[in-house]
Each structure stands twice: as structure tokens, then as C-alpha cells.
Amino acid sequence: MPGSQPGGPLGTKAAIALGSNLGNRVGFLQDAVTAFDAFGDVVAVSPLYETAPVGGPEQGPYLNAVVIIETSVPPRILMKIGRAHV
């Protein structure tokens, strides 16, 4: 039903930063956006940006994006949704 998702009516906009540097980076980011769409309305998705890793062990470059959703899902749950897909 438009205007609702698990958790109740829409109401709060959330900006969520996404990043992946393993495997099918684009696919993982797309999966995350799709998952967030199931828990609210995706309002906007930024272009993808490739960035070098900072610190830690040697690793490949990251692909990063930001997604804006309108949702009533609490922030900690949104974080779990994102971690499950990226």
C-alpha cells in the first residue's frame, strides 16, 4: 500500500551512506537500495563514487553512494538492513 511499510506510516527522512569494496560492488549497493525500498519510500539515490580505502590492510577501492528514504523504521533497524546487504 502506498505510504506505508512494515512499522507504520512514513514520516521521517533518513540519509544512509553505503559503501562496498568486495565482490560485485555495484550489485551489493543495488541490493541495499532495494532492501531499503521495502521499508519505506526511496526518495533519492546519489551517483556512485569510487574512493581509495583509508587505513587498515591493503584492500581494493570502495564504491560509495547515499540513499535518502522516507520511513518510520528506527535508525538501528535501518543499520541492520544495510549491513545485511552491503
Protein backbone atom coordinates (compact mmCIF):
# COMPACT_ATOMS: atom_id res chain seq x y z
CA MET A 1 0.00 0.00 0.00
CA PRO A 2 1.49 3.41 -0.91
CA GLY A 3 2.58 5.49 2.06
CA SER A 4 3.22 2.62 4.42
CA GLN A 5 5.66 -0.18 5.13
CA PRO A 6 6.39 -2.60 7.94
CA GLY A 7 6.47 -0.41 11.03
CA GLY A 8 3.71 2.06 10.20
CA PRO A 9 3.16 5.21 8.16
CA LEU A 10 6.01 7.10 6.57
CA GLY A 11 7.23 10.27 8.17
CA THR A 12 10.97 10.68 8.70
CA LYS A 13 13.62 11.13 6.05
CA ALA A 14 16.87 9.26 6.58
CA ALA A 15 20.15 9.72 4.71
CA ILE A 16 22.11 6.47 4.59
CA ALA A 17 25.71 6.20 3.38
CA LEU A 18 26.55 2.95 1.58
CA GLY A 19 29.93 1.53 0.64
CA SER A 20 31.35 -1.73 -0.67
CA ASN A 21 34.82 -2.85 -1.71
CA LEU A 22 34.32 -6.60 -2.12
CA GLY A 23 32.92 -8.74 -4.93
CA ASN A 24 30.13 -7.29 -7.04
CA ARG A 25 30.25 -3.81 -5.53
CA VAL A 26 27.54 -2.35 -7.77
CA GLY A 27 25.26 -5.35 -7.18
CA PHE A 28 25.66 -5.10 -3.39
CA LEU A 29 24.78 -1.39 -3.44
CA GLN A 30 21.76 -2.04 -5.68
CA ASP A 31 20.60 -4.81 -3.34
CA ALA A 32 20.86 -2.44 -0.37
CA VAL A 33 18.75 0.22 -2.11
CA THR A 34 16.14 -2.42 -2.98
CA ALA A 35 16.09 -3.61 0.64
CA PHE A 36 15.58 -0.06 1.95
CA ASP A 37 12.75 0.44 -0.54
CA ALA A 38 10.90 -2.43 1.15
CA PHE A 39 10.91 -0.46 4.44
CA GLY A 40 9.95 2.97 3.13
CA ASP A 41 9.99 5.11 0.03
CA VAL A 42 13.36 5.71 -1.62
CA VAL A 43 13.35 9.45 -2.33
CA ALA A 44 16.79 9.76 -3.98
CA VAL A 45 19.97 7.83 -4.70
CA SER A 46 23.26 9.58 -5.39
CA PRO A 47 25.62 8.70 -8.20
CA LEU A 48 28.29 6.11 -7.36
CA TYR A 49 31.70 7.38 -6.28
CA GLU A 50 34.88 5.31 -6.18
CA THR A 51 37.22 6.14 -3.30
CA ALA A 52 40.51 4.78 -2.03
CA PRO A 53 40.48 2.91 1.28
CA VAL A 54 41.91 4.73 4.29
CA GLY A 55 43.97 2.80 6.84
CA GLY A 56 43.79 -0.88 7.60
CA PRO A 57 45.20 -3.69 5.47
CA GLU A 58 45.74 -3.47 1.72
CA GLN A 59 42.35 -3.58 0.02
CA GLY A 60 40.58 -2.56 -3.15
CA PRO A 61 38.78 0.73 -3.78
CA TYR A 62 35.30 1.36 -2.43
CA LEU A 63 32.17 2.25 -4.31
CA ASN A 64 30.08 4.67 -2.25
CA ALA A 65 26.60 6.14 -2.54
CA VAL A 66 23.95 7.81 -0.41
CA VAL A 67 20.29 6.85 -0.37
CA ILE A 68 17.52 9.05 1.05
CA ILE A 69 14.41 7.25 2.25
CA GLU A 70 11.23 8.31 3.96
CA THR A 71 10.38 5.79 6.65
CA SER A 72 9.22 5.18 10.19
CA VAL A 73 11.78 2.42 10.77
CA PRO A 74 14.15 3.22 13.69
CA PRO A 75 17.80 4.05 12.85
CA ARG A 76 19.26 0.89 14.41
CA ILE A 77 16.97 -1.28 12.27
CA LEU A 78 17.96 0.67 9.15
CA MET A 79 21.61 -0.01 10.01
CA LYS A 80 20.90 -3.76 10.28
CA ILE A 81 19.10 -3.71 6.93
CA GLY A 82 22.07 -2.02 5.28
CA ARG A 83 24.66 -4.32 6.84
CA ALA A 84 22.74 -7.36 5.64
CA HIS A 85 23.01 -6.22 2.02
CA VAL A 86 26.35 -4.44 1.61
